C-alpha atoms as a PDB file:
ATOM      1  CA  MET A   1     -13.607 114.841 -98.978  1.00  0.00           C
ATOM      2  CA  VAL A   2      -9.916 115.265-100.131  1.00  0.00           C
ATOM      3  CA  ILE A   3      -9.469 118.660-102.415  1.00  0.00           C
ATOM      4  CA  GLN A   4      -6.107 119.037-104.220  1.00  0.00           C
ATOM      5  CA  HIS A   5      -4.508 122.122-103.498  1.00  0.00           C
ATOM      6  CA  HIS A   6      -2.037 122.806-106.322  1.00  0.00           C
ATOM      7  CA  SER A   7      -2.489 126.551-106.757  1.00  0.00           C
ATOM      8  CA  SER A   8      -1.551 127.094-102.675  1.00  0.00           C
ATOM      9  CA  ALA A   9       0.916 125.136-101.884  1.00  0.00           C
ATOM     10  CA  LEU A  10       3.723 126.298-100.571  1.00  0.00           C
ATOM     11  CA  PRO A  11       7.409 125.289-101.415  1.00  0.00           C
ATOM     12  CA  ALA A  12       8.640 123.283 -98.665  1.00  0.00           C
ATOM     13  CA  PRO A  13      12.182 125.483 -97.344  1.00  0.00           C
ATOM     14  CA  ALA A  14      15.566 123.536 -98.139  1.00  0.00           C
ATOM     15  CA  VAL A  15      16.994 121.583 -95.587  1.00  0.00           C
ATOM     16  CA  SER A  16      19.932 123.145 -94.075  1.00  0.00           C
ATOM     17  CA  ALA A  17      23.330 121.679 -93.678  1.00  0.00           C
ATOM     18  CA  ALA A  18      23.256 122.494 -90.069  1.00  0.00           C
ATOM     19  CA  TYR A  19      19.965 121.025 -89.133  1.00  0.00           C
ATOM     20  CA  PRO A  20      20.604 119.385 -86.241  1.00  0.00           C
ATOM     21  CA  MET A  21      20.943 115.248 -85.651  1.00  0.00           C
ATOM     22  CA  ALA A  22      19.263 113.257 -82.897  1.00  0.00           C
ATOM     23  CA  LYS A  23      21.162 110.973 -80.754  1.00  0.00           C
ATOM     24  CA  PRO A  24      22.439 107.443 -82.234  1.00  0.00           C
ATOM     25  CA  GLY A  25      19.137 105.546 -82.473  1.00  0.00           C
ATOM     26  CA  TYR A  26      16.892 108.313 -82.402  1.00  0.00           C
ATOM     27  CA  GLY A  27      15.214 110.707 -84.694  1.00  0.00           C
ATOM     28  CA  LYS A  28      13.771 109.709 -88.496  1.00  0.00           C
ATOM     29  CA  ARG A  29      13.835 106.434 -90.345  1.00  0.00           C
ATOM     30  CA  SER A  30      12.602 105.620 -93.460  1.00  0.00           C
ATOM     31  CA  ALA A  31      10.255 102.478 -94.321  1.00  0.00           C
ATOM     32  CA  PRO A  32      11.300 100.273 -97.046  1.00  0.00           C
ATOM     33  CA  GLY A  33       9.647  99.842-100.331  1.00  0.00           C
ATOM     34  CA  GLN A  34       8.539 104.003-101.023  1.00  0.00           C
ATOM     35  CA  GLN A  35       8.252 104.991-103.954  1.00  0.00           C
ATOM     36  CA  PRO A  36      10.509 106.999-106.037  1.00  0.00           C
ATOM     37  CA  ARG A  37       9.735 110.876-105.149  1.00  0.00           C
ATOM     38  CA  THR A  38       8.358 113.051-107.402  1.00  0.00           C
ATOM     39  CA  ARG A  39       6.238 116.513-107.791  1.00  0.00           C
ATOM     40  CA  ASP A  40       3.267 115.192-107.312  1.00  0.00           C
ATOM     41  CA  ASP A  41       3.985 113.554-103.867  1.00  0.00           C
ATOM     42  CA  PHE A  42       1.552 114.497-101.241  1.00  0.00           C
ATOM     43  CA  ALA A  43      -0.565 116.641-103.517  1.00  0.00           C
ATOM     44  CA  LEU A  44      -3.949 115.770-101.839  1.00  0.00           C
ATOM     45  CA  LEU A  45      -2.988 116.866 -98.461  1.00  0.00           C
ATOM     46  CA  PRO A  46      -3.808 120.515 -97.176  1.00  0.00           C
ATOM     47  CA  THR A  47      -1.511 123.523 -97.685  1.00  0.00           C
ATOM     48  CA  ARG A  48       0.339 123.260 -94.216  1.00  0.00           C
ATOM     49  CA  GLU A  49       0.212 119.332 -94.054  1.00  0.00           C
ATOM     50  CA  ARG A  50       2.269 118.844 -97.919  1.00  0.00           C
ATOM     51  CA  TYR A  51       4.530 121.573 -96.556  1.00  0.00           C
ATOM     52  CA  VAL A  52       5.512 119.952 -93.673  1.00  0.00           C
ATOM     53  CA  ALA A  53       5.652 116.485 -95.387  1.00  0.00           C
ATOM     54  CA  GLY A  54       7.834 117.616 -98.084  1.00  0.00           C
ATOM     55  CA  PHE A  55      10.092 118.944 -95.434  1.00  0.00           C
ATOM     56  CA  VAL A  56      10.369 116.015 -93.683  1.00  0.00           C
ATOM     57  CA  ASP A  57      10.481 113.949 -96.512  1.00  0.00           C
ATOM     58  CA  HIS A  58      14.105 115.590 -97.775  1.00  0.00           C
ATOM     59  CA  LEU A  59      15.600 114.940 -94.059  1.00  0.00           C
ATOM     60  CA  PRO A  60      18.074 112.480 -93.922  1.00  0.00           C
ATOM     61  CA  ASP A  61      17.599 109.502 -91.414  1.00  0.00           C
ATOM     62  CA  GLY A  62      18.543 110.320 -87.638  1.00  0.00           C
ATOM     63  CA  ALA A  63      17.526 113.864 -88.403  1.00  0.00           C
ATOM     64  CA  ALA A  64      15.740 115.121 -85.087  1.00  0.00           C
ATOM     65  CA  MET A  65      11.745 115.141 -85.216  1.00  0.00           C
ATOM     66  CA  SER A  66      10.636 116.571 -82.210  1.00  0.00           C
ATOM     67  CA  VAL A  67       8.245 119.500 -83.054  1.00  0.00           C
ATOM     68  CA  LYS A  68      10.231 121.895 -81.609  1.00  0.00           C
ATOM     69  CA  GLN A  69      13.133 121.558 -83.866  1.00  0.00           C
ATOM     70  CA  LEU A  70      10.738 121.173 -86.843  1.00  0.00           C
ATOM     71  CA  ALA A  71       8.957 124.419 -85.843  1.00  0.00           C
ATOM     72  CA  LYS A  72      12.159 126.183 -85.878  1.00  0.00           C
ATOM     73  CA  GLN A  73      13.478 125.451 -89.204  1.00  0.00           C
ATOM     74  CA  LEU A  74       9.353 126.020 -90.745  1.00  0.00           C
ATOM     75  CA  PRO A  75       9.072 130.008 -89.772  1.00  0.00           C
ATOM     76  CA  LEU A  76       5.260 129.769 -91.286  1.00  0.00           C
ATOM     77  CA  TYR A  77       3.682 127.568 -88.604  1.00  0.00           C
ATOM     78  CA  GLY A  78       4.590 127.658 -84.713  1.00  0.00           C
ATOM     79  CA  GLN A  79       4.947 124.628 -82.784  1.00  0.00           C
ATOM     80  CA  GLN A  80       1.058 123.857 -82.252  1.00  0.00           C
ATOM     81  CA  ALA A  81       0.308 123.828 -86.046  1.00  0.00           C
ATOM     82  CA  ILE A  82       3.391 121.681 -86.595  1.00  0.00           C
ATOM     83  CA  SER A  83       2.425 119.142 -84.132  1.00  0.00           C
ATOM     84  CA  THR A  84      -1.481 119.247 -85.676  1.00  0.00           C
ATOM     85  CA  ALA A  85       0.260 118.563 -88.899  1.00  0.00           C
ATOM     86  CA  LEU A  86       2.360 115.685 -88.041  1.00  0.00           C
ATOM     87  CA  LYS A  87      -1.290 114.040 -86.590  1.00  0.00           C
ATOM     88  CA  ALA A  88      -2.969 114.726 -90.034  1.00  0.00           C
ATOM     89  CA  LEU A  89       0.236 113.096 -91.688  1.00  0.00           C
ATOM     90  CA  SER A  90       0.000 110.122 -89.465  1.00  0.00           C
ATOM     91  CA  VAL A  91      -4.021 109.766 -90.172  1.00  0.00           C
ATOM     92  CA  ALA A  92      -3.075 109.611 -93.978  1.00  0.00           C
ATOM     93  CA  GLY A  93      -0.782 107.181 -93.196  1.00  0.00           C
ATOM     94  CA  HIS A  94       2.777 108.748 -94.013  1.00  0.00           C
ATOM     95  CA  LEU A  95       4.111 108.383 -90.398  1.00  0.00           C
ATOM     96  CA  ARG A  96       4.335 106.371 -87.249  1.00  0.00           C
ATOM     97  CA  ARG A  97       6.146 107.267 -84.076  1.00  0.00           C
ATOM     98  CA  VAL A  98       7.595 104.534 -81.700  1.00  0.00           C
ATOM     99  CA  ARG A  99       9.780 103.995 -78.754  1.00  0.00           C
ATOM    100  CA  CYS A 100      11.888 100.341 -77.992  1.00  0.00           C
ATOM    101  CA  ALA A 101      13.491  99.909 -74.584  1.00  0.00           C
ATOM    102  CA  VAL A 102      16.959  99.135 -74.745  1.00  0.00           C
ATOM    103  CA  GLY A 103      19.464  97.651 -72.037  1.00  0.00           C
ATOM    104  CA  ALA A 104      18.644  95.968 -68.489  1.00  0.00           C
ATOM    105  CA  GLY A 105      17.735  97.313 -64.900  1.00  0.00           C
ATOM    106  CA  ASP A 106      19.272 100.539 -64.120  1.00  0.00           C
ATOM    107  CA  GLU A 107      20.699 100.736 -67.748  1.00  0.00           C
ATOM    108  CA  THR A 108      17.504 100.548 -69.457  1.00  0.00           C
ATOM    109  CA  ARG A 109      16.725 103.546 -71.499  1.00  0.00           C
ATOM    110  CA  TRP A 110      14.031 104.398 -74.303  1.00  0.00           C
ATOM    111  CA  VAL A 111      14.692 105.036 -77.930  1.00  0.00           C
ATOM    112  CA  PHE A 112      12.517 107.075 -80.080  1.00  0.00           C
ATOM    113  CA  ARG A 113      11.975 106.778 -83.650  1.00  0.00           C
ATOM    114  CA  THR A 114       9.895 108.156 -86.213  1.00  0.00           C
ATOM    115  CA  PHE A 115       9.075 105.963 -89.151  1.00  0.00           C
ATOM    116  CA  TRP A 116       8.472 108.097 -92.193  1.00  0.00           C
ATOM    117  CA  SER A 117       6.833 106.789 -95.609  1.00  0.00           C
ATOM    118  CA  ARG A 118       6.446 109.017 -98.602  1.00  0.00           C
ATOM    119  CA  THR A 119       3.826 106.378 -99.839  1.00  0.00           C
ATOM    120  CA  ALA A 120       0.820 106.556 -98.041  1.00  0.00           C
ATOM    121  CA  ARG A 121       0.421 102.869 -96.020  1.00  0.00           C
ATOM    122  CA  ASP A 122      -2.638 101.684 -94.194  1.00  0.00           C
ATOM    123  CA  ASN A 123      -2.961 100.482 -90.879  1.00  0.00           C
ATOM    124  CA  GLU A 124      -2.505  96.988 -91.552  1.00  0.00           C
ATOM    125  CA  TRP A 125       0.713  97.834 -93.426  1.00  0.00           C
ATOM    126  CA  TRP A 126       1.974  99.458 -90.555  1.00  0.00           C
ATOM    127  CA  THR A 127       0.957  96.770 -88.564  1.00  0.00           C
ATOM    128  CA  THR A 128       2.793  93.919 -90.799  1.00  0.00           C
ATOM    129  CA  TYR A 129       6.111  95.977 -90.742  1.00  0.00           C
ATOM    130  CA  LEU A 130       6.462  97.260 -87.005  1.00  0.00           C
ATOM    131  CA  ALA A 131       5.946  93.766 -86.179  1.00  0.00           C
ATOM    132  CA  THR A 132       8.678  92.643 -88.452  1.00  0.00           C
ATOM    133  CA  GLU A 133      10.809  95.277 -86.904  1.00  0.00           C
ATOM    134  CA  THR A 134      10.404  93.848 -83.714  1.00  0.00           C
ATOM    135  CA  ALA A 135      10.997  90.516 -84.650  1.00  0.00           C
ATOM    136  CA  ALA A 136      14.088  91.742 -86.521  1.00  0.00           C
ATOM    137  CA  ARG A 137      15.280  93.210 -83.173  1.00  0.00           C
ATOM    138  CA  SER A 138      14.524  90.217 -81.258  1.00  0.00           C
ATOM    139  CA  ALA A 139      16.177  88.234 -83.911  1.00  0.00           C
ATOM    140  CA  GLY A 140      19.553  90.287 -83.884  1.00  0.00           C
ATOM    141  CA  SER A 141      19.837  89.988 -80.010  1.00  0.00           C
ATOM    142  CA  THR A 142      19.763  86.131 -79.463  1.00  0.00           C
ATOM    143  CA  PRO A 143      21.621  83.617 -81.766  1.00  0.00           C
ATOM    144  CA  PRO A 144      19.079  82.154 -84.788  1.00  0.00           C
ATOM    145  CA  ALA A 145      17.241  79.599 -84.106  1.00  0.00           C
ATOM    146  CA  PRO A 146      18.205  76.370 -86.033  1.00  0.00           C
ATOM    147  CA  ALA A 147      16.078  74.512 -88.674  1.00  0.00           C
ATOM    148  CA  PRO A 148      13.254  72.175 -87.795  1.00  0.00           C
ATOM    149  CA  ALA A 149      13.863  68.811 -87.836  1.00  0.00           C
ATOM    150  CA  ALA A 150      12.108  66.483 -90.669  1.00  0.00           C
ATOM    151  CA  ALA A 151      10.217  64.451 -87.448  1.00  0.00           C
ATOM    152  CA  ALA A 152       8.527  67.736 -86.388  1.00  0.00           C
ATOM    153  CA  VAL A 153       7.078  68.038 -89.918  1.00  0.00           C
ATOM    154  CA  PRO A 154       3.879  66.321 -89.085  1.00  0.00           C
ATOM    155  CA  GLN A 155       2.899  63.703 -91.806  1.00  0.00           C
ATOM    156  CA  GLN A 156       6.437  63.653 -92.960  1.00  0.00           C
ATOM    157  CA  ARG A 157       8.152  59.769 -93.443  1.00  0.00           C
ATOM    158  CA  THR A 158      11.992  60.216 -92.670  1.00  0.00           C
ATOM    159  CA  ALA A 159      14.614  57.898 -94.961  1.00  0.00           C
ATOM    160  CA  SER A 160      14.528  55.063 -92.457  1.00  0.00           C
ATOM    161  CA  GLU A 161      10.774  54.389 -92.753  1.00  0.00           C
ATOM    162  CA  ALA A 162      11.081  55.021 -96.456  1.00  0.00           C
ATOM    163  CA  THR A 163      13.491  52.819 -97.084  1.00  0.00           C
ATOM    164  CA  PRO A 164      13.640  49.985 -94.553  1.00  0.00           C
ATOM    165  CA  ASP A 165      17.066  48.457 -94.298  1.00  0.00           C
ATOM    166  CA  PRO A 166      16.911  44.943 -95.869  1.00  0.00           C
ATOM    167  CA  ALA A 167      18.444  42.652 -93.223  1.00  0.00           C
ATOM    168  CA  HIS A 168      16.190  43.881 -90.674  1.00  0.00           C
ATOM    169  CA  ALA A 169      12.832  44.268 -93.057  1.00  0.00           C
ATOM    170  CA  PRO A 170       9.919  41.850 -91.635  1.00  0.00           C
ATOM    171  CA  GLU A 171       9.445  38.542 -92.791  1.00  0.00           C
ATOM    172  CA  PRO A 172       5.790  38.392 -95.563  1.00  0.00           C
ATOM    173  CA  PRO A 173       3.066  37.296 -93.255  1.00  0.00           C
ATOM    174  CA  ALA A 174       2.195  33.821 -93.597  1.00  0.00           C
ATOM    175  CA  PRO A 175      -1.950  34.127 -94.723  1.00  0.00           C
ATOM    176  CA  ALA A 176      -4.255  35.651 -92.423  1.00  0.00           C
ATOM    177  CA  THR A 177      -6.143  32.912 -90.531  1.00  0.00           C
ATOM    178  CA  THR A 178      -8.189  35.755 -88.342  1.00  0.00           C
ATOM    179  CA  LEU A 179      -9.723  39.038 -88.346  1.00  0.00           C
ATOM    180  CA  THR A 180      -7.049  40.783 -86.473  1.00  0.00           C
ATOM    181  CA  ALA A 181      -4.368  39.694 -88.750  1.00  0.00           C
ATOM    182  CA  ARG A 182      -6.104  40.895 -91.457  1.00  0.00           C
ATOM    183  CA  THR A 183      -7.234  44.205 -90.538  1.00  0.00           C
ATOM    184  CA  ALA A 184      -4.095  45.912 -88.834  1.00  0.00           C
ATOM    185  CA  PRO A 185      -4.349  49.260 -87.808  1.00  0.00           C
ATOM    186  CA  PRO A 186      -2.956  52.317 -89.991  1.00  0.00           C
ATOM    187  CA  ALA A 187      -0.001  54.269 -88.566  1.00  0.00           C
ATOM    188  CA  ALA A 188      -0.930  57.053 -86.057  1.00  0.00           C
ATOM    189  CA  ARG A 189       0.186  60.685 -86.757  1.00  0.00           C
ATOM    190  CA  PRO A 190       3.023  61.696 -84.725  1.00  0.00           C
ATOM    191  CA  ALA A 191       2.546  62.375 -81.271  1.00  0.00           C
ATOM    192  CA  ALA A 192       4.652  66.019 -81.784  1.00  0.00           C
ATOM    193  CA  LEU A 193       3.430  68.482 -83.666  1.00  0.00           C
ATOM    194  CA  SER A 194       5.192  71.626 -85.337  1.00  0.00           C
ATOM    195  CA  PRO A 195       4.961  74.780 -84.038  1.00  0.00           C
ATOM    196  CA  ALA A 196       3.778  75.905 -87.278  1.00  0.00           C
ATOM    197  CA  TYR A 197       1.182  73.304 -87.497  1.00  0.00           C
ATOM    198  CA  LEU A 198       0.299  74.476 -84.183  1.00  0.00           C
ATOM    199  CA  ALA A 199      -0.066  78.155 -85.350  1.00  0.00           C
ATOM    200  CA  LEU A 200      -2.117  77.369 -87.813  1.00  0.00           C
ATOM    201  CA  ALA A 201      -4.575  75.478 -85.976  1.00  0.00           C
ATOM    202  CA  GLU A 202      -4.813  78.227 -83.082  1.00  0.00           C
ATOM    203  CA  LEU A 203      -6.118  81.096 -86.435  1.00  0.00           C
ATOM    204  CA  GLY A 204      -9.470  79.237 -85.237  1.00  0.00           C
ATOM    205  CA  ARG A 205      -9.810  79.937 -81.632  1.00  0.00           C
ATOM    206  CA  LYS A 206      -8.554  83.773 -82.395  1.00  0.00           C
ATOM    207  CA  ASP A 207     -11.295  84.272 -85.223  1.00  0.00           C
ATOM    208  CA  ILE A 208     -13.813  82.216 -86.244  1.00  0.00           C
ATOM    209  CA  ARG A 209     -13.335  83.384 -89.892  1.00  0.00           C
ATOM    210  CA  LEU A 210      -9.977  81.797 -90.116  1.00  0.00           C
ATOM    211  CA  ALA A 211     -11.140  78.461 -88.817  1.00  0.00           C
ATOM    212  CA  LEU A 212      -9.265  75.302 -90.496  1.00  0.00           C
ATOM    213  CA  SER A 213      -9.592  71.682 -90.938  1.00  0.00           C
ATOM    214  CA  ALA A 214      -6.557  69.023 -89.874  1.00  0.00           C
ATOM    215  CA  ASP A 215      -6.036  68.647 -93.502  1.00  0.00           C
ATOM    216  CA  ASP A 216      -6.080  72.232 -94.093  1.00  0.00           C
ATOM    217  CA  CYS A 217      -3.173  72.867 -91.070  1.00  0.00           C
ATOM    218  CA  ALA A 218      -1.335  70.070 -92.690  1.00  0.00           C
ATOM    219  CA  SER A 219      -1.504  71.396 -96.223  1.00  0.00           C
ATOM    220  CA  LEU A 220      -0.467  74.868 -95.468  1.00  0.00           C
ATOM    221  CA  GLU A 221       1.915  73.872 -92.793  1.00  0.00           C
ATOM    222  CA  PRO A 222       5.379  73.946 -95.363  1.00  0.00           C
ATOM    223  CA  GLN A 223       4.492  77.837 -95.770  1.00  0.00           C
ATOM    224  CA  ALA A 224       4.001  78.432 -92.435  1.00  0.00           C
ATOM    225  CA  ALA A 225       7.279  76.492 -91.341  1.00  0.00           C
ATOM    226  CA  GLU A 226       8.988  79.094 -93.949  1.00  0.00           C
ATOM    227  CA  TRP A 227       7.821  82.066 -91.855  1.00  0.00           C
ATOM    228  CA  LEU A 228       9.089  80.973 -88.623  1.00  0.00           C
ATOM    229  CA  ALA A 229      12.504  79.794 -90.801  1.00  0.00           C
ATOM    230  CA  ARG A 230      12.915  83.554 -91.474  1.00  0.00           C
ATOM    231  CA  GLY A 231      12.980  84.391 -87.463  1.00  0.00           C
ATOM    232  CA  VAL A 232       9.171  85.317 -86.912  1.00  0.00           C
ATOM    233  CA  THR A 233       7.503  83.778 -83.627  1.00  0.00           C
ATOM    234  CA  THR A 234       4.255  82.073 -83.751  1.00  0.00           C
ATOM    235  CA  ASP A 235       2.476  85.066 -81.981  1.00  0.00           C
ATOM    236  CA  TYR A 236       4.034  87.273 -84.879  1.00  0.00           C
ATOM    237  CA  LEU A 237       2.449  84.919 -87.511  1.00  0.00           C
ATOM    238  CA  ILE A 238      -1.053  84.496 -86.019  1.00  0.00           C
ATOM    239  CA  ALA A 239      -1.485  88.300 -85.251  1.00  0.00           C
ATOM    240  CA  ALA A 240      -0.390  89.025 -89.220  1.00  0.00           C
ATOM    241  CA  LEU A 241      -2.536  86.186 -90.470  1.00  0.00           C
ATOM    242  CA  THR A 242      -5.520  87.439 -88.302  1.00  0.00           C
ATOM    243  CA  ALA A 243      -4.722  91.353 -88.363  1.00  0.00           C
ATOM    244  CA  GLY A 244      -7.536  93.581 -90.816  1.00  0.00           C
ATOM    245  CA  LEU A 245      -9.791  90.488 -92.097  1.00  0.00           C
ATOM    246  CA  PRO A 246     -12.622  91.081 -94.208  1.00  0.00           C
ATOM    247  CA  ALA A 247     -16.664  91.150 -92.544  1.00  0.00           C
ATOM    248  CA  GLN A 248     -16.529  87.481 -94.350  1.00  0.00           C
ATOM    249  CA  VAL A 249     -14.254  84.924 -95.479  1.00  0.00           C
ATOM    250  CA  ASP A 250     -15.440  82.460 -97.928  1.00  0.00           C
ATOM    251  CA  CYS A 251     -12.606  79.872 -98.372  1.00  0.00           C
ATOM    252  CA  PRO A 252     -10.505  80.234 -94.843  1.00  0.00           C
ATOM    253  CA  PRO A 253      -7.722  77.777 -96.636  1.00  0.00           C
ATOM    254  CA  ARG A 254      -7.254  79.508 -99.617  1.00  0.00           C
ATOM    255  CA  PHE A 255      -7.349  83.146 -97.694  1.00  0.00           C
ATOM    256  CA  VAL A 256      -4.871  81.733 -95.333  1.00  0.00           C
ATOM    257  CA  ARG A 257      -2.840  80.477 -98.159  1.00  0.00           C
ATOM    258  CA  ARG A 258      -2.598  84.325 -99.924  1.00  0.00           C
ATOM    259  CA  ARG A 259      -1.676  85.677 -96.862  1.00  0.00           C
ATOM    260  CA  LEU A 260       1.035  83.568 -96.214  1.00  0.00           C
ATOM    261  CA  THR A 261       2.452  84.331 -99.716  1.00  0.00           C
ATOM    262  CA  ASP A 262       1.824  88.054-100.085  1.00  0.00           C
ATOM    263  CA  LYS A 263       2.860  88.922 -96.400  1.00  0.00           C
ATOM    264  CA  ILE A 264       5.908  86.415 -95.785  1.00  0.00           C
ATOM    265  CA  PRO A 265       8.117  88.729 -93.949  1.00  0.00           C
ATOM    266  CA  PRO A 266      12.002  89.513 -95.291  1.00  0.00           C
ATOM    267  CA  GLN A 267      14.922  87.034 -95.044  1.00  0.00           C
ATOM    268  CA  LEU A 268      17.105  87.825 -92.091  1.00  0.00           C
ATOM    269  CA  PRO A 269      20.685  88.083 -92.299  1.00  0.00           C
ATOM    270  CA  THR A 270      22.610  84.734 -91.965  1.00  0.00           C
ATOM    271  CA  THR A 271      25.248  86.229 -90.299  1.00  0.00           C
ATOM    272  CA  PRO A 272      24.801  85.867 -86.329  1.00  0.00           C
ATOM    273  CA  SER A 273      25.064  88.843 -84.157  1.00  0.00           C
ATOM    274  CA  PRO A 274      27.421  89.205 -81.037  1.00  0.00           C
ATOM    275  CA  SER A 275      25.579  87.166 -78.420  1.00  0.00           C
ATOM    276  CA  PRO A 276      24.675  89.962 -75.370  1.00  0.00           C
ATOM    277  CA  SER A 277      24.769  89.464 -72.169  1.00  0.00           C
ATOM    278  CA  VAL A 278      21.887  86.972 -70.490  1.00  0.00           C
ATOM    279  CA  ASP A 279      20.592  89.499 -68.285  1.00  0.00           C
ATOM    280  CA  THR A 280      19.780  91.657 -71.039  1.00  0.00           C
ATOM    281  CA  PRO A 281      16.251  91.341 -72.335  1.00  0.00           C
ATOM    282  CA  ALA A 282      15.027  91.477 -75.913  1.00  0.00           C
ATOM    283  CA  PRO A 283      14.395  94.811 -77.213  1.00  0.00           C
ATOM    284  CA  ARG A 284      10.512  95.976 -77.008  1.00  0.00           C
ATOM    285  CA  LEU A 285       9.235  98.161 -79.475  1.00  0.00           C
ATOM    286  CA  LEU A 286       6.130  99.601 -78.765  1.00  0.00           C
ATOM    287  CA  MET A 287       4.111 102.564 -80.916  1.00  0.00           C
ATOM    288  CA  GLU A 288       3.036 105.776 -79.226  1.00  0.00           C
ATOM    289  CA  CYS A 289       0.264 108.481 -80.141  1.00  0.00           C
ATOM    290  CA  THR A 290       1.661 110.861 -82.330  1.00  0.00           C
ATOM    291  CA  ASP A 291      -0.498 113.447 -80.643  1.00  0.00           C
ATOM    292  CA  CYS A 292      -0.323 112.609 -77.176  1.00  0.00           C
ATOM    293  CA  GLY A 293       2.578 110.421 -77.120  1.00  0.00           C
ATOM    294  CA  ARG A 294       0.604 107.615 -75.134  1.00  0.00           C
ATOM    295  CA  PRO A 295       2.089 103.995 -75.801  1.00  0.00           C
ATOM    296  CA  GLY A 296       0.562 101.038 -77.173  1.00  0.00           C
ATOM    297  CA  GLN A 297       0.513  98.012 -79.287  1.00  0.00           C
ATOM    298  CA  PRO A 298       0.330  99.115 -83.701  1.00  0.00           C
ATOM    299  CA  GLU A 299      -3.005  97.146 -83.486  1.00  0.00           C
ATOM    300  CA  ALA A 300      -4.830  99.253 -80.410  1.00  0.00           C
ATOM    301  CA  LEU A 301      -3.432 102.500 -82.333  1.00  0.00           C
ATOM    302  CA  PRO A 302      -4.851 102.891 -85.972  1.00  0.00           C
ATOM    303  CA  ASP A 303      -3.610 105.699 -87.933  1.00  0.00           C
ATOM    304  CA  GLY A 304      -1.390 106.185 -85.181  1.00  0.00           C
ATOM    305  CA  LEU A 305      -3.385 107.805 -82.845  1.00  0.00           C
ATOM    306  CA  CYS A 306      -4.604 106.701 -79.432  1.00  0.00           C
ATOM    307  CA  ARG A 307      -8.335 106.557 -78.970  1.00  0.00           C
ATOM    308  CA  PRO A 308      -9.051 110.071 -77.486  1.00  0.00           C
ATOM    309  CA  CYS A 309      -7.001 111.398 -79.715  1.00  0.00           C
ATOM    310  CA  ARG A 310      -8.618 109.859 -82.986  1.00  0.00           C
ATOM    311  CA  ALA A 311     -11.979 110.981 -81.261  1.00  0.00           C
ATOM    312  CA  ALA A 312     -11.094 114.477 -81.421  1.00  0.00           C
ATOM    313  CA  HIS A 313      -9.410 114.169 -84.700  1.00  0.00           C
ATOM    314  CA  SER A 314     -12.719 112.841 -86.368  1.00  0.00           C
ATOM    315  CA  ALA A 315     -15.008 115.330 -84.457  1.00  0.00           C
ATOM    316  CA  GLY A 316     -12.837 117.830 -86.491  1.00  0.00           C
ATOM    317  CA  GLY A 317     -11.477 121.065 -85.149  1.00  0.00           C
ATOM    318  CA  ARG A 318     -11.297 124.497 -86.285  1.00  0.00           C
ATOM    319  CA  PRO A 319      -8.963 124.725 -89.687  1.00  0.00           C
ATOM    320  CA  SER A 320      -5.498 126.439 -89.241  1.00  0.00           C
ATOM    321  CA  PRO A 321      -5.383 130.079 -90.004  1.00  0.00           C
ATOM    322  CA  ASP A 322      -3.757 131.226 -93.016  1.00  0.00           C
ATOM    323  CA  PRO A 323      -0.079 133.131 -92.197  1.00  0.00           C
ATOM    324  CA  THR A 324      -1.225 136.090 -93.521  1.00  0.00           C
ATOM    325  CA  GLU A 325      -4.317 136.024 -91.133  1.00  0.00           C
ATOM    326  CA  ILE A 326      -1.930 135.507 -88.479  1.00  0.00           C
ATOM    327  CA  ALA A 327       0.267 138.620 -89.423  1.00  0.00           C
ATOM    328  CA  ALA A 328      -3.137 140.909 -89.472  1.00  0.00           C
ATOM    329  CA  VAL A 329      -4.324 139.203 -86.194  1.00  0.00           C
ATOM    330  CA  LYS A 330      -0.486 140.659 -85.004  1.00  0.00           C
ATOM    331  CA  ALA A 331      -0.685 143.920 -86.346  1.00  0.00           C
ATOM    332  CA  ARG A 332      -4.247 144.638 -84.924  1.00  0.00           C
ATOM    333  CA  MET A 333      -3.007 143.595 -81.539  1.00  0.00           C
ATOM    334  CA  ALA A 334       0.161 146.021 -81.401  1.00  0.00           C
ATOM    335  CA  ASN A 335      -2.304 148.504 -82.720  1.00  0.00           C
ATOM    336  CA  LEU A 336      -4.451 147.834 -79.458  1.00  0.00           C
ATOM    337  CA  ARG A 337      -1.375 148.118 -77.615  1.00  0.00           C
ATOM    338  CA  ASP A 338      -0.470 151.486 -79.092  1.00  0.00           C
ATOM    339  CA  LEU A 339      -3.889 152.684 -78.377  1.00  0.00           C
ATOM    340  CA  LEU A 340      -3.847 151.842 -74.830  1.00  0.00           C
ATOM    341  CA  LYS A 341      -0.637 153.392 -74.120  1.00  0.00           C
ATOM    342  CA  ALA A 342      -1.513 156.513 -75.335  1.00  0.00           C
ATOM    343  CA  PRO A 343      -2.427 159.344 -72.615  1.00  0.00           C
END
């Protein structure tokens, strides 16, 4: 049960102008779509977590987010307490730690970032956002894919099919006298299926709750094609549509149509980026456990924690001591040392 702690709130210290910034590409990075800052932000968090969250929220993008640096700026808590507070903020949906490999061969290096959101987000939102971030980085490292041709879309007629040339139009058939002439077979569906259609058809294989018929795939294909036109891959499209499904889906076509509308990724810039070396692989983005740093895919780290750390957090731990209690314990320990030193 979450309890508000208005009376025991500790005002977060002001961010010093000399607070260290991380190297370019590292450090804090704010997530989009956050609510405006108010005095009631983080009101449902415990005192320590609210104290740390208020400080982190006021840090600029690119600020160092290591436990050691935060502990230097927050004298009330040590590194262990700061680490525990960051883990709680990850579970509450305010932050995720990620790592991205850049470069190739011996030049490969890992870039570490901490995505921060003042507005608490659920696991599904973080998974979709990080997948979009990965797609955006991949699109930035390669030229944008050309728009799909009209002939690649199933059941779509080209202009030549819709309005045949009168000079080459076939003559009207003579009155048929045989059954074969009267019953010409219908035009067959084009053999080439678009990537959007194939991705929709693959949903039922990934999860039976989203099984679609051929007509459903053809109806939803324009919306799925719009996703691919924005630079995402078919793997990302499938992952976004199948993530966080309810226990039962009553109408798969309507459910998929709603997700295609509500979760469509943002439009990527149309200006092409400089093409990198052919040997440079596309950047890889991995989330890492907020507690132990173990890397993994976002869907494998719910709440930003790996399975062992999540189990330890769910089991509960001892509450963090109050700063006044820490000072009292230190004073008693000092008295004991003086007594032991006395002759």
